[in-house]
Amino acid sequence: MEIKPGSVVRSLAGRDKGGFMVVVSAAEGYVFLADGKERMLGSPKKKSVKHIAPTKTVIDLCDLTDRGLRAAVRRFTDGALDDAPVEISNP
């Protein structure tokens, strides 16, 4: 599965293991992740692509704030969304 900006991923390693985050940008072998709470959009976490598991969910990042990002990730972690393909627009 292609990892692109807006993709929701699950962390497989590190202190945030098991948590869901959103890809802000991608570079050679790395992605920059944010969840709106611990990692804000302005200071995303750099993580190797081998330490994440992509889901089929994609979030529209246009005009997204940290608050909106938290709400989107919360819906995913609370089990409201499963691994089915979903397009989430800005709340």
N, C-alpha and C. Protein backbone atom coordinates (compact mmCIF):
# COMPACT_ATOMS: atom_id res chain seq x y z
N MET A 1 0.85 -1.18 0.00
CA MET A 1 0.00 0.00 0.00
C MET A 1 0.89 1.24 0.00
N GLU A 2 0.53 2.20 -0.80
CA GLU A 2 1.31 3.43 -0.94
C GLU A 2 1.09 4.34 0.26
N ILE A 3 2.17 4.85 0.79
CA ILE A 3 2.09 5.79 1.90
C ILE A 3 2.25 7.18 1.32
N LYS A 4 1.25 8.03 1.52
CA LYS A 4 1.26 9.38 0.98
C LYS A 4 0.76 10.34 2.05
N PRO A 5 0.97 11.64 1.89
CA PRO A 5 0.47 12.59 2.88
C PRO A 5 -1.03 12.45 3.08
N GLY A 6 -1.43 12.39 4.34
CA GLY A 6 -2.83 12.20 4.69
C GLY A 6 -3.17 10.78 5.08
N SER A 7 -2.28 9.83 4.81
CA SER A 7 -2.52 8.44 5.17
C SER A 7 -2.47 8.26 6.68
N VAL A 8 -3.42 7.50 7.21
CA VAL A 8 -3.41 7.15 8.63
C VAL A 8 -2.58 5.88 8.77
N VAL A 9 -1.64 5.89 9.70
CA VAL A 9 -0.76 4.75 9.92
C VAL A 9 -0.76 4.38 11.40
N ARG A 10 -0.39 3.15 11.70
CA ARG A 10 -0.24 2.70 13.09
C ARG A 10 1.25 2.50 13.35
N SER A 11 1.71 2.98 14.48
CA SER A 11 3.10 2.85 14.86
C SER A 11 3.38 1.43 15.33
N LEU A 12 4.46 0.83 14.84
CA LEU A 12 4.84 -0.52 15.21
C LEU A 12 6.00 -0.57 16.20
N ALA A 13 6.69 0.55 16.40
CA ALA A 13 7.85 0.57 17.27
C ALA A 13 8.00 1.95 17.91
N GLY A 14 8.65 1.96 19.05
CA GLY A 14 8.93 3.23 19.74
C GLY A 14 7.95 3.50 20.87
N ARG A 15 8.07 4.67 21.46
CA ARG A 15 7.21 5.04 22.58
C ARG A 15 5.76 5.17 22.19
N ASP A 16 5.51 5.45 20.92
CA ASP A 16 4.14 5.61 20.44
C ASP A 16 3.58 4.33 19.82
N LYS A 17 4.19 3.18 20.11
CA LYS A 17 3.78 1.89 19.56
C LYS A 17 2.29 1.63 19.78
N GLY A 18 1.60 1.25 18.71
CA GLY A 18 0.18 0.95 18.79
C GLY A 18 -0.72 2.14 18.53
N GLY A 19 -0.15 3.33 18.51
CA GLY A 19 -0.93 4.54 18.30
C GLY A 19 -1.10 4.86 16.82
N PHE A 20 -2.16 5.60 16.52
CA PHE A 20 -2.42 6.02 15.15
C PHE A 20 -1.93 7.44 14.95
N MET A 21 -1.36 7.69 13.78
CA MET A 21 -0.87 9.01 13.41
C MET A 21 -1.15 9.23 11.93
N VAL A 22 -0.98 10.46 11.48
CA VAL A 22 -1.23 10.82 10.10
C VAL A 22 0.08 11.26 9.46
N VAL A 23 0.32 10.80 8.24
CA VAL A 23 1.52 11.17 7.50
C VAL A 23 1.37 12.61 7.01
N VAL A 24 2.29 13.46 7.43
CA VAL A 24 2.31 14.86 7.00
C VAL A 24 3.10 14.97 5.70
N SER A 25 4.23 14.28 5.63
CA SER A 25 5.03 14.25 4.41
C SER A 25 5.86 12.97 4.40
N ALA A 26 6.39 12.64 3.25
CA ALA A 26 7.21 11.44 3.11
C ALA A 26 8.50 11.80 2.40
N ALA A 27 9.58 11.15 2.80
CA ALA A 27 10.89 11.35 2.18
C ALA A 27 11.51 9.97 1.94
N GLU A 28 12.72 9.93 1.49
CA GLU A 28 13.41 8.69 1.16
C GLU A 28 13.51 7.75 2.36
N GLY A 29 12.59 6.79 2.46
CA GLY A 29 12.62 5.80 3.54
C GLY A 29 12.06 6.27 4.87
N TYR A 30 11.62 7.51 4.95
CA TYR A 30 11.09 8.07 6.19
C TYR A 30 9.76 8.76 5.94
N VAL A 31 8.98 8.89 6.99
CA VAL A 31 7.75 9.68 6.95
C VAL A 31 7.78 10.64 8.13
N PHE A 32 7.03 11.71 8.03
CA PHE A 32 6.87 12.66 9.11
C PHE A 32 5.43 12.57 9.57
N LEU A 33 5.24 12.26 10.86
CA LEU A 33 3.93 11.94 11.40
C LEU A 33 3.47 12.96 12.43
N ALA A 34 2.16 13.16 12.50
CA ALA A 34 1.56 14.03 13.52
C ALA A 34 0.25 13.39 13.99
N ASP A 35 -0.09 13.66 15.26
CA ASP A 35 -1.36 13.19 15.79
C ASP A 35 -2.19 14.34 16.35
N GLY A 36 -1.63 15.54 16.39
CA GLY A 36 -2.36 16.70 16.87
C GLY A 36 -2.29 16.89 18.37
N LYS A 37 -1.75 15.92 19.08
CA LYS A 37 -1.66 16.01 20.54
C LYS A 37 -0.20 15.99 20.99
N GLU A 38 0.45 14.85 20.88
CA GLU A 38 1.86 14.75 21.25
C GLU A 38 2.75 15.36 20.18
N ARG A 39 2.38 15.15 18.93
CA ARG A 39 3.12 15.69 17.80
C ARG A 39 2.20 16.56 16.98
N MET A 40 2.50 17.84 16.94
CA MET A 40 1.68 18.81 16.22
C MET A 40 2.07 18.83 14.74
N LEU A 41 1.20 19.41 13.93
CA LEU A 41 1.46 19.53 12.50
C LEU A 41 2.72 20.34 12.22
N GLY A 42 3.02 21.30 13.07
CA GLY A 42 4.19 22.15 12.89
C GLY A 42 5.50 21.50 13.26
N SER A 43 5.45 20.42 14.04
CA SER A 43 6.67 19.71 14.43
C SER A 43 6.42 18.20 14.40
N PRO A 44 6.30 17.64 13.20
CA PRO A 44 6.00 16.21 13.09
C PRO A 44 7.18 15.34 13.49
N LYS A 45 6.87 14.09 13.80
CA LYS A 45 7.89 13.11 14.20
C LYS A 45 8.43 12.40 12.97
N LYS A 46 9.74 12.27 12.88
CA LYS A 46 10.37 11.54 11.78
C LYS A 46 10.44 10.07 12.18
N LYS A 47 9.96 9.19 11.30
CA LYS A 47 9.93 7.77 11.61
C LYS A 47 10.22 6.97 10.35
N SER A 48 10.93 5.88 10.49
CA SER A 48 11.24 5.00 9.38
C SER A 48 9.98 4.29 8.90
N VAL A 49 9.85 4.08 7.60
CA VAL A 49 8.66 3.42 7.06
C VAL A 49 8.56 1.98 7.51
N LYS A 50 9.65 1.36 7.93
CA LYS A 50 9.58 -0.02 8.40
C LYS A 50 8.99 -0.11 9.82
N HIS A 51 8.81 1.03 10.48
CA HIS A 51 8.24 1.05 11.82
C HIS A 51 6.79 1.49 11.85
N ILE A 52 6.13 1.52 10.69
CA ILE A 52 4.71 1.89 10.63
C ILE A 52 3.95 0.87 9.78
N ALA A 53 2.66 0.79 10.05
CA ALA A 53 1.77 -0.07 9.26
C ALA A 53 0.68 0.82 8.68
N PRO A 54 0.61 0.93 7.36
CA PRO A 54 -0.41 1.80 6.75
C PRO A 54 -1.80 1.20 6.87
N THR A 55 -2.79 2.06 6.94
CA THR A 55 -4.19 1.65 6.87
C THR A 55 -4.74 2.14 5.54
N LYS A 56 -5.99 1.88 5.29
CA LYS A 56 -6.60 2.32 4.04
C LYS A 56 -7.25 3.69 4.15
N THR A 57 -7.16 4.31 5.30
CA THR A 57 -7.80 5.59 5.54
C THR A 57 -6.89 6.74 5.12
N VAL A 58 -7.47 7.73 4.44
CA VAL A 58 -6.74 8.92 4.01
C VAL A 58 -7.52 10.15 4.49
N ILE A 59 -6.81 11.09 5.09
CA ILE A 59 -7.40 12.32 5.60
C ILE A 59 -6.95 13.48 4.72
N ASP A 60 -7.87 14.37 4.40
CA ASP A 60 -7.55 15.56 3.62
C ASP A 60 -6.82 16.55 4.53
N LEU A 61 -5.58 16.88 4.20
CA LEU A 61 -4.76 17.76 5.04
C LEU A 61 -4.94 19.25 4.75
N CYS A 62 -5.67 19.59 3.71
CA CYS A 62 -5.86 21.00 3.36
C CYS A 62 -6.61 21.72 4.48
N ASP A 63 -6.05 22.82 4.95
CA ASP A 63 -6.63 23.65 6.01
C ASP A 63 -6.92 22.88 7.29
N LEU A 64 -6.21 21.80 7.54
CA LEU A 64 -6.40 21.00 8.75
C LEU A 64 -5.62 21.62 9.91
N THR A 65 -6.25 21.70 11.05
CA THR A 65 -5.59 22.21 12.26
C THR A 65 -5.26 21.04 13.16
N ASP A 66 -4.48 21.31 14.22
CA ASP A 66 -4.16 20.26 15.18
C ASP A 66 -5.43 19.75 15.85
N ARG A 67 -6.37 20.62 16.11
CA ARG A 67 -7.63 20.23 16.74
C ARG A 67 -8.41 19.26 15.83
N GLY A 68 -8.49 19.59 14.54
CA GLY A 68 -9.17 18.72 13.59
C GLY A 68 -8.45 17.39 13.43
N LEU A 69 -7.13 17.43 13.47
CA LEU A 69 -6.34 16.21 13.38
C LEU A 69 -6.59 15.31 14.59
N ARG A 70 -6.62 15.90 15.78
CA ARG A 70 -6.91 15.13 16.99
C ARG A 70 -8.27 14.45 16.89
N ALA A 71 -9.26 15.17 16.40
CA ALA A 71 -10.61 14.62 16.27
C ALA A 71 -10.63 13.46 15.28
N ALA A 72 -9.92 13.59 14.17
CA ALA A 72 -9.89 12.52 13.17
C ALA A 72 -9.18 11.28 13.70
N VAL A 73 -8.05 11.47 14.37
CA VAL A 73 -7.31 10.34 14.92
C VAL A 73 -8.10 9.69 16.06
N ARG A 74 -8.79 10.50 16.85
CA ARG A 74 -9.60 9.97 17.96
C ARG A 74 -10.71 9.06 17.43
N ARG A 75 -11.35 9.47 16.33
CA ARG A 75 -12.39 8.63 15.74
C ARG A 75 -11.82 7.29 15.31
N PHE A 76 -10.58 7.31 14.85
CA PHE A 76 -9.95 6.08 14.39
C PHE A 76 -9.55 5.20 15.58
N THR A 77 -8.98 5.78 16.62
CA THR A 77 -8.51 5.00 17.76
C THR A 77 -9.66 4.51 18.63
N ASP A 78 -10.77 5.21 18.64
CA ASP A 78 -11.92 4.78 19.44
C ASP A 78 -12.67 3.62 18.80
N GLY A 79 -12.24 3.21 17.60
CA GLY A 79 -12.89 2.09 16.94
C GLY A 79 -14.07 2.48 16.10
N ALA A 80 -14.32 3.77 15.93
CA ALA A 80 -15.44 4.21 15.11
C ALA A 80 -15.19 3.88 13.65
N LEU A 81 -13.92 3.83 13.29
CA LEU A 81 -13.55 3.49 11.92
C LEU A 81 -12.73 2.21 11.96
N ASP A 82 -12.97 1.32 11.04
CA ASP A 82 -12.15 0.12 10.95
C ASP A 82 -11.14 0.29 9.84
N ASP A 83 -10.61 -0.78 9.33
CA ASP A 83 -9.56 -0.69 8.33
C ASP A 83 -10.11 -0.60 6.91
N ALA A 84 -11.40 -0.30 6.75
CA ALA A 84 -11.98 -0.15 5.43
C ALA A 84 -11.56 1.19 4.84
N PRO A 85 -11.49 1.31 3.53
CA PRO A 85 -11.09 2.59 2.93
C PRO A 85 -12.08 3.69 3.25
N VAL A 86 -11.58 4.80 3.74
CA VAL A 86 -12.42 5.91 4.14
C VAL A 86 -11.76 7.20 3.73
N GLU A 87 -12.51 8.13 3.22
CA GLU A 87 -12.01 9.49 2.95
C GLU A 87 -12.60 10.39 4.02
N ILE A 88 -11.75 11.04 4.80
CA ILE A 88 -12.22 11.93 5.87
C ILE A 88 -11.88 13.35 5.46
N SER A 89 -12.90 14.19 5.41
CA SER A 89 -12.67 15.60 5.10
C SER A 89 -12.49 16.36 6.40
N ASN A 90 -12.14 17.60 6.30
CA ASN A 90 -11.93 18.42 7.51
C ASN A 90 -13.24 18.57 8.27
N PRO A 91 -13.18 18.39 9.61
CA PRO A 91 -14.40 18.55 10.42
C PRO A 91 -14.79 19.99 10.56
